[in-house]
Amino acid sequence: RKDPKLGDIIVDKNGMTVYRFAKDQAWPVSKSACT
């Protein structure tokens, strides 16, 4: 979705904005620090 302030951002099936957490990791494997 194109947000007026943020530009192109990802949304889910309900149109809700999707976010990332800076304390997570993607390499060498995906890992969530949010529990």
All heavy atoms as atom14 arrays in JSON, in Angstrom:
{
  "sequence": "RKDPKLGDIIVDKNGMTVYRFAKDQAWPVSKSACT",
  "atom14_mask": [
    [1, 1, 1, 1, 1, 1, 1, 1, 1, 1, 1, 0, 0, 0],
    [1, 1, 1, 1, 1, 1, 1, 1, 1, 0, 0, 0, 0, 0],
    [1, 1, 1, 1, 1, 1, 1, 1, 0, 0, 0, 0, 0, 0],
    [1, 1, 1, 1, 1, 1, 1, 0, 0, 0, 0, 0, 0, 0],
    [1, 1, 1, 1, 1, 1, 1, 1, 1, 0, 0, 0, 0, 0],
    [1, 1, 1, 1, 1, 1, 1, 1, 0, 0, 0, 0, 0, 0],
    [1, 1, 1, 1, 0, 0, 0, 0, 0, 0, 0, 0, 0, 0],
    [1, 1, 1, 1, 1, 1, 1, 1, 0, 0, 0, 0, 0, 0],
    [1, 1, 1, 1, 1, 1, 1, 1, 0, 0, 0, 0, 0, 0],
    [1, 1, 1, 1, 1, 1, 1, 1, 0, 0, 0, 0, 0, 0],
    [1, 1, 1, 1, 1, 1, 1, 0, 0, 0, 0, 0, 0, 0],
    [1, 1, 1, 1, 1, 1, 1, 1, 0, 0, 0, 0, 0, 0],
    [1, 1, 1, 1, 1, 1, 1, 1, 1, 0, 0, 0, 0, 0],
    [1, 1, 1, 1, 1, 1, 1, 1, 0, 0, 0, 0, 0, 0],
    [1, 1, 1, 1, 0, 0, 0, 0, 0, 0, 0, 0, 0, 0],
    [1, 1, 1, 1, 1, 1, 1, 1, 0, 0, 0, 0, 0, 0],
    [1, 1, 1, 1, 1, 1, 1, 0, 0, 0, 0, 0, 0, 0],
    [1, 1, 1, 1, 1, 1, 1, 0, 0, 0, 0, 0, 0, 0],
    [1, 1, 1, 1, 1, 1, 1, 1, 1, 1, 1, 1, 0, 0],
    [1, 1, 1, 1, 1, 1, 1, 1, 1, 1, 1, 0, 0, 0],
    [1, 1, 1, 1, 1, 1, 1, 1, 1, 1, 1, 0, 0, 0],
    [1, 1, 1, 1, 1, 0, 0, 0, 0, 0, 0, 0, 0, 0],
    [1, 1, 1, 1, 1, 1, 1, 1, 1, 0, 0, 0, 0, 0],
    [1, 1, 1, 1, 1, 1, 1, 1, 0, 0, 0, 0, 0, 0],
    [1, 1, 1, 1, 1, 1, 1, 1, 1, 0, 0, 0, 0, 0],
    [1, 1, 1, 1, 1, 0, 0, 0, 0, 0, 0, 0, 0, 0],
    [1, 1, 1, 1, 1, 1, 1, 1, 1, 1, 1, 1, 1, 1],
    [1, 1, 1, 1, 1, 1, 1, 0, 0, 0, 0, 0, 0, 0],
    [1, 1, 1, 1, 1, 1, 1, 0, 0, 0, 0, 0, 0, 0],
    [1, 1, 1, 1, 1, 1, 0, 0, 0, 0, 0, 0, 0, 0],
    [1, 1, 1, 1, 1, 1, 1, 1, 1, 0, 0, 0, 0, 0],
    [1, 1, 1, 1, 1, 1, 0, 0, 0, 0, 0, 0, 0, 0],
    [1, 1, 1, 1, 1, 0, 0, 0, 0, 0, 0, 0, 0, 0],
    [1, 1, 1, 1, 1, 1, 0, 0, 0, 0, 0, 0, 0, 0],
    [1, 1, 1, 1, 1, 1, 1, 0, 0, 0, 0, 0, 0, 0]
  ],
  "atom14_positions": [
    [[0.85, -1.19, 0.0], [0.0, 0.0, 0.0], [0.89, 1.24, 0.0], [1.93, 1.26, 0.64], [-0.89, 0.03, 1.24], [-1.79, 1.26, 1.33], [-2.66, 1.22, 2.57], [-1.9, 1.41, 3.8], [-1.51, 2.59, 4.27], [-1.78, 3.69, 3.6], [-0.84, 2.68, 5.4], [0.0, 0.0, 0.0], [0.0, 0.0, 0.0], [0.0, 0.0, 0.0]],
    [[0.45, 2.26, -0.71], [1.22, 3.51, -0.73], [0.7, 4.41, 0.37], [-0.42, 4.91, 0.31], [1.12, 4.2, -2.09], [1.96, 5.48, -2.18], [1.97, 6.03, -3.59], [2.77, 5.16, -4.53], [4.22, 5.12, -4.18], [0.0, 0.0, 0.0], [0.0, 0.0, 0.0], [0.0, 0.0, 0.0], [0.0, 0.0, 0.0], [0.0, 0.0, 0.0]],
    [[1.52, 4.61, 1.4], [1.14, 5.47, 2.51], [1.56, 6.91, 2.17], [2.64, 7.13, 1.62], [1.84, 5.0, 3.79], [1.45, 5.81, 5.0], [0.41, 5.5, 5.61], [2.18, 6.77, 5.33], [0.0, 0.0, 0.0], [0.0, 0.0, 0.0], [0.0, 0.0, 0.0], [0.0, 0.0, 0.0], [0.0, 0.0, 0.0], [0.0, 0.0, 0.0]],
    [[0.71, 7.88, 2.5], [1.03, 9.27, 2.17], [2.35, 9.76, 2.74], [3.02, 10.6, 2.14], [-0.14, 10.04, 2.78], [-1.26, 9.05, 2.83], [-0.6, 7.73, 3.12], [0.0, 0.0, 0.0], [0.0, 0.0, 0.0], [0.0, 0.0, 0.0], [0.0, 0.0, 0.0], [0.0, 0.0, 0.0], [0.0, 0.0, 0.0], [0.0, 0.0, 0.0]],
    [[2.75, 9.27, 3.91], [3.98, 9.72, 4.56], [5.14, 8.76, 4.4], [6.29, 9.17, 4.27], [3.73, 9.97, 6.04], [2.74, 11.09, 6.33], [2.57, 11.28, 7.83], [1.6, 12.43, 8.12], [1.41, 12.62, 9.59], [0.0, 0.0, 0.0], [0.0, 0.0, 0.0], [0.0, 0.0, 0.0], [0.0, 0.0, 0.0], [0.0, 0.0, 0.0]],
    [[4.86, 7.45, 4.41], [5.92, 6.44, 4.42], [6.23, 5.86, 3.04], [7.26, 5.21, 2.86], [5.54, 5.3, 5.37], [5.26, 5.72, 6.82], [4.85, 4.49, 7.65], [6.49, 6.38, 7.43], [0.0, 0.0, 0.0], [0.0, 0.0, 0.0], [0.0, 0.0, 0.0], [0.0, 0.0, 0.0], [0.0, 0.0, 0.0], [0.0, 0.0, 0.0]],
    [[5.37, 6.08, 2.07], [5.58, 5.51, 0.75], [5.05, 4.09, 0.69], [4.09, 3.73, 1.37], [0.0, 0.0, 0.0], [0.0, 0.0, 0.0], [0.0, 0.0, 0.0], [0.0, 0.0, 0.0], [0.0, 0.0, 0.0], [0.0, 0.0, 0.0], [0.0, 0.0, 0.0], [0.0, 0.0, 0.0], [0.0, 0.0, 0.0], [0.0, 0.0, 0.0]],
    [[5.68, 3.24, -0.13], [5.22, 1.85, -0.3], [5.56, 1.03, 0.93], [6.73, 0.88, 1.31], [5.88, 1.21, -1.53], [5.33, 1.77, -2.83], [4.26, 2.4, -2.79], [5.97, 1.57, -3.88], [0.0, 0.0, 0.0], [0.0, 0.0, 0.0], [0.0, 0.0, 0.0], [0.0, 0.0, 0.0], [0.0, 0.0, 0.0], [0.0, 0.0, 0.0]],
    [[4.53, 0.48, 1.58], [4.73, -0.37, 2.76], [3.89, -1.64, 2.62], [2.9, -1.67, 1.89], [4.35, 0.36, 4.06], [2.88, 0.79, 4.03], [5.28, 1.54, 4.3], [2.4, 1.41, 5.34], [0.0, 0.0, 0.0], [0.0, 0.0, 0.0], [0.0, 0.0, 0.0], [0.0, 0.0, 0.0], [0.0, 0.0, 0.0], [0.0, 0.0, 0.0]],
    [[4.28, -2.69, 3.35], [3.56, -3.97, 3.29], [2.39, -3.96, 4.25], [2.48, -3.46, 5.38], [4.51, -5.14, 3.62], [5.65, -5.2, 2.59], [3.77, -6.47, 3.64], [6.67, -6.29, 2.88], [0.0, 0.0, 0.0], [0.0, 0.0, 0.0], [0.0, 0.0, 0.0], [0.0, 0.0, 0.0], [0.0, 0.0, 0.0], [0.0, 0.0, 0.0]],
    [[1.26, -4.52, 3.79], [0.09, -4.69, 4.64], [-0.36, -6.15, 4.57], [-0.05, -6.86, 3.62], [-1.07, -3.76, 4.21], [-0.67, -2.31, 4.37], [-1.5, -4.05, 2.78], [0.0, 0.0, 0.0], [0.0, 0.0, 0.0], [0.0, 0.0, 0.0], [0.0, 0.0, 0.0], [0.0, 0.0, 0.0], [0.0, 0.0, 0.0], [0.0, 0.0, 0.0]],
    [[-1.11, -6.59, 5.61], [-1.59, -7.97, 5.62], [-2.94, -8.08, 4.91], [-3.4, -7.11, 4.28], [-1.67, -8.51, 7.06], [-2.77, -7.85, 7.89], [-3.53, -7.01, 7.35], [-2.88, -8.19, 9.09], [0.0, 0.0, 0.0], [0.0, 0.0, 0.0], [0.0, 0.0, 0.0], [0.0, 0.0, 0.0], [0.0, 0.0, 0.0], [0.0, 0.0, 0.0]],
    [[-3.6, -9.22, 5.0], [-4.85, -9.46, 4.28], [-5.98, -8.56, 4.72], [-6.98, -8.4, 4.0], [-5.27, -10.93, 4.44], [-5.59, -11.33, 5.88], [-5.97, -12.79, 5.97], [-6.28, -13.17, 7.42], [-6.64, -14.62, 7.53], [0.0, 0.0, 0.0], [0.0, 0.0, 0.0], [0.0, 0.0, 0.0], [0.0, 0.0, 0.0], [0.0, 0.0, 0.0]],
    [[-5.84, -7.96, 5.9], [-6.85, -7.05, 6.39], [-6.5, -5.59, 6.14], [-7.2, -4.69, 6.59], [-7.06, -7.27, 7.9], [-7.54, -8.67, 8.21], [-8.48, -9.17, 7.59], [-6.9, -9.32, 9.17], [0.0, 0.0, 0.0], [0.0, 0.0, 0.0], [0.0, 0.0, 0.0], [0.0, 0.0, 0.0], [0.0, 0.0, 0.0], [0.0, 0.0, 0.0]],
    [[-5.41, -5.37, 5.43], [-4.99, -4.02, 5.14], [-4.21, -3.37, 6.27], [-3.91, -2.17, 6.22], [0.0, 0.0, 0.0], [0.0, 0.0, 0.0], [0.0, 0.0, 0.0], [0.0, 0.0, 0.0], [0.0, 0.0, 0.0], [0.0, 0.0, 0.0], [0.0, 0.0, 0.0], [0.0, 0.0, 0.0], [0.0, 0.0, 0.0], [0.0, 0.0, 0.0]],
    [[-3.87, -4.16, 7.31], [-3.15, -3.6, 8.45], [-1.65, -3.53, 8.18], [-1.07, -4.45, 7.59], [-3.4, -4.45, 9.71], [-4.88, -4.62, 10.04], [-5.76, -3.06, 10.29], [-5.05, -2.53, 11.86], [0.0, 0.0, 0.0], [0.0, 0.0, 0.0], [0.0, 0.0, 0.0], [0.0, 0.0, 0.0], [0.0, 0.0, 0.0], [0.0, 0.0, 0.0]],
    [[-1.03, -2.44, 8.62], [0.39, -2.23, 8.41], [1.24, -3.33, 9.06], [0.97, -3.76, 10.17], [0.82, -0.87, 8.98], [0.03, 0.16, 8.36], [2.29, -0.6, 8.74], [0.0, 0.0, 0.0], [0.0, 0.0, 0.0], [0.0, 0.0, 0.0], [0.0, 0.0, 0.0], [0.0, 0.0, 0.0], [0.0, 0.0, 0.0], [0.0, 0.0, 0.0]],
    [[2.29, -3.77, 8.34], [3.2, -4.81, 8.81], [4.5, -4.14, 9.28], [4.97, -3.17, 8.66], [3.49, -5.82, 7.68], [4.69, -6.7, 8.01], [2.25, -6.68, 7.43], [0.0, 0.0, 0.0], [0.0, 0.0, 0.0], [0.0, 0.0, 0.0], [0.0, 0.0, 0.0], [0.0, 0.0, 0.0], [0.0, 0.0, 0.0], [0.0, 0.0, 0.0]],
    [[5.06, -4.64, 10.39], [6.26, -4.04, 10.99], [7.4, -5.04, 11.18], [7.19, -6.26, 11.2], [5.91, -3.45, 12.37], [4.86, -2.37, 12.34], [3.51, -2.69, 12.46], [5.21, -1.03, 12.17], [2.52, -1.7, 12.43], [4.25, -0.04, 12.14], [2.9, -0.38, 12.26], [1.95, 0.6, 12.22], [0.0, 0.0, 0.0], [0.0, 0.0, 0.0]],
    [[8.62, -4.48, 11.35], [9.81, -5.24, 11.71], [10.34, -4.75, 13.04], [10.16, -3.59, 13.41], [10.91, -5.05, 10.66], [10.99, -6.15, 9.6], [12.15, -5.9, 8.66], [13.4, -5.57, 9.37], [14.52, -5.25, 8.77], [14.57, -5.21, 7.44], [15.6, -4.97, 9.46], [0.0, 0.0, 0.0], [0.0, 0.0, 0.0], [0.0, 0.0, 0.0]],
    [[11.02, -5.66, 13.79], [11.6, -5.36, 15.08], [13.12, -5.36, 14.93], [13.71, -6.35, 14.51], [11.15, -6.41, 16.09], [11.54, -6.15, 17.52], [11.73, -4.87, 18.01], [11.71, -7.22, 18.4], [12.07, -4.65, 19.34], [12.04, -7.02, 19.73], [12.23, -5.73, 20.2], [0.0, 0.0, 0.0], [0.0, 0.0, 0.0], [0.0, 0.0, 0.0]],
    [[13.78, -4.25, 15.3], [15.22, -4.11, 15.1], [16.03, -5.13, 15.89], [17.18, -5.41, 15.56], [15.66, -2.7, 15.48], [0.0, 0.0, 0.0], [0.0, 0.0, 0.0], [0.0, 0.0, 0.0], [0.0, 0.0, 0.0], [0.0, 0.0, 0.0], [0.0, 0.0, 0.0], [0.0, 0.0, 0.0], [0.0, 0.0, 0.0], [0.0, 0.0, 0.0]],
    [[15.46, -5.7, 16.96], [16.2, -6.67, 17.77], [16.07, -8.11, 17.26], [16.68, -9.03, 17.81], [15.74, -6.58, 19.23], [16.02, -5.21, 19.85], [15.61, -5.16, 21.31], [15.86, -3.78, 21.9], [17.28, -3.39, 21.88], [0.0, 0.0, 0.0], [0.0, 0.0, 0.0], [0.0, 0.0, 0.0], [0.0, 0.0, 0.0], [0.0, 0.0, 0.0]],
    [[15.29, -8.32, 16.21], [15.21, -9.63, 15.56], [16.46, -9.86, 14.71], [17.29, -8.95, 14.55], [13.98, -9.71, 14.65], [12.68, -9.83, 15.43], [12.74, -10.05, 16.66], [11.61, -9.7, 14.82], [0.0, 0.0, 0.0], [0.0, 0.0, 0.0], [0.0, 0.0, 0.0], [0.0, 0.0, 0.0], [0.0, 0.0, 0.0], [0.0, 0.0, 0.0]],
    [[16.58, -11.07, 14.14], [17.67, -11.33, 13.2], [17.15, -12.1, 12.0], [16.14, -12.81, 12.08], [18.82, -12.12, 13.85], [18.52, -13.58, 14.14], [19.76, -14.35, 14.6], [20.58, -13.82, 15.36], [19.88, -15.59, 14.15], [0.0, 0.0, 0.0], [0.0, 0.0, 0.0], [0.0, 0.0, 0.0], [0.0, 0.0, 0.0], [0.0, 0.0, 0.0]],
    [[17.8, -11.89, 10.86], [17.44, -12.57, 9.63], [18.54, -13.49, 9.14], [18.31, -14.35, 8.3], [17.13, -11.54, 8.54], [0.0, 0.0, 0.0], [0.0, 0.0, 0.0], [0.0, 0.0, 0.0], [0.0, 0.0, 0.0], [0.0, 0.0, 0.0], [0.0, 0.0, 0.0], [0.0, 0.0, 0.0], [0.0, 0.0, 0.0], [0.0, 0.0, 0.0]],
    [[19.74, -13.33, 9.66], [20.9, -14.09, 9.18], [21.68, -14.64, 10.36], [21.84, -13.94, 11.37], [21.8, -13.17, 8.35], [22.96, -13.85, 7.72], [23.03, -14.4, 6.48], [24.25, -14.05, 8.31], [24.26, -14.94, 6.25], [25.05, -14.74, 7.36], [24.83, -13.73, 9.55], [26.36, -15.1, 7.61], [26.15, -14.1, 9.78], [26.89, -14.77, 8.83]],
    [[22.14, -15.88, 10.37], [22.0, -16.86, 9.27], [20.62, -17.52, 9.21], [20.32, -18.21, 8.26], [23.07, -17.9, 9.61], [23.15, -17.85, 11.11], [22.95, -16.42, 11.47], [0.0, 0.0, 0.0], [0.0, 0.0, 0.0], [0.0, 0.0, 0.0], [0.0, 0.0, 0.0], [0.0, 0.0, 0.0], [0.0, 0.0, 0.0], [0.0, 0.0, 0.0]],
    [[19.8, -17.3, 10.24], [18.43, -17.83, 10.22], [17.5, -16.77, 10.8], [17.9, -15.91, 11.56], [18.3, -19.13, 11.05], [19.05, -20.28, 10.4], [18.77, -18.9, 12.48], [0.0, 0.0, 0.0], [0.0, 0.0, 0.0], [0.0, 0.0, 0.0], [0.0, 0.0, 0.0], [0.0, 0.0, 0.0], [0.0, 0.0, 0.0], [0.0, 0.0, 0.0]],
    [[16.24, -16.87, 10.45], [15.25, -15.96, 11.01], [15.07, -16.25, 12.48], [14.94, -17.4, 12.9], [13.91, -16.14, 10.29], [14.03, -15.9, 8.9], [0.0, 0.0, 0.0], [0.0, 0.0, 0.0], [0.0, 0.0, 0.0], [0.0, 0.0, 0.0], [0.0, 0.0, 0.0], [0.0, 0.0, 0.0], [0.0, 0.0, 0.0], [0.0, 0.0, 0.0]],
    [[15.05, -15.22, 13.3], [14.89, -15.4, 14.73], [14.17, -14.19, 15.31], [14.55, -13.05, 15.05], [16.24, -15.58, 15.41], [16.15, -15.86, 16.91], [17.52, -16.11, 17.5], [17.44, -16.41, 18.99], [18.78, -16.65, 19.59], [0.0, 0.0, 0.0], [0.0, 0.0, 0.0], [0.0, 0.0, 0.0], [0.0, 0.0, 0.0], [0.0, 0.0, 0.0]],
    [[13.13, -14.46, 16.09], [12.36, -13.39, 16.7], [12.79, -13.16, 18.14], [12.94, -14.11, 18.92], [10.86, -13.73, 16.68], [10.12, -12.82, 17.47], [0.0, 0.0, 0.0], [0.0, 0.0, 0.0], [0.0, 0.0, 0.0], [0.0, 0.0, 0.0], [0.0, 0.0, 0.0], [0.0, 0.0, 0.0], [0.0, 0.0, 0.0], [0.0, 0.0, 0.0]],
    [[12.97, -11.89, 18.5], [13.28, -11.51, 19.87], [12.04, -11.02, 20.6], [12.11, -10.56, 21.73], [14.36, -10.42, 19.87], [0.0, 0.0, 0.0], [0.0, 0.0, 0.0], [0.0, 0.0, 0.0], [0.0, 0.0, 0.0], [0.0, 0.0, 0.0], [0.0, 0.0, 0.0], [0.0, 0.0, 0.0], [0.0, 0.0, 0.0], [0.0, 0.0, 0.0]],
    [[10.9, -11.1, 19.93], [9.64, -10.64, 20.51], [8.86, -11.84, 21.06], [8.32, -12.64, 20.29], [8.81, -9.9, 19.46], [7.23, -9.28, 20.06], [0.0, 0.0, 0.0], [0.0, 0.0, 0.0], [0.0, 0.0, 0.0], [0.0, 0.0, 0.0], [0.0, 0.0, 0.0], [0.0, 0.0, 0.0], [0.0, 0.0, 0.0], [0.0, 0.0, 0.0]],
    [[8.81, -11.98, 22.37], [8.12, -13.1, 23.01], [7.27, -12.58, 24.16], [7.36, -11.43, 24.56], [9.13, -14.13, 23.55], [9.99, -13.49, 24.51], [9.98, -14.72, 22.43], [0.0, 0.0, 0.0], [0.0, 0.0, 0.0], [0.0, 0.0, 0.0], [0.0, 0.0, 0.0], [0.0, 0.0, 0.0], [0.0, 0.0, 0.0], [0.0, 0.0, 0.0]]
  ]
}
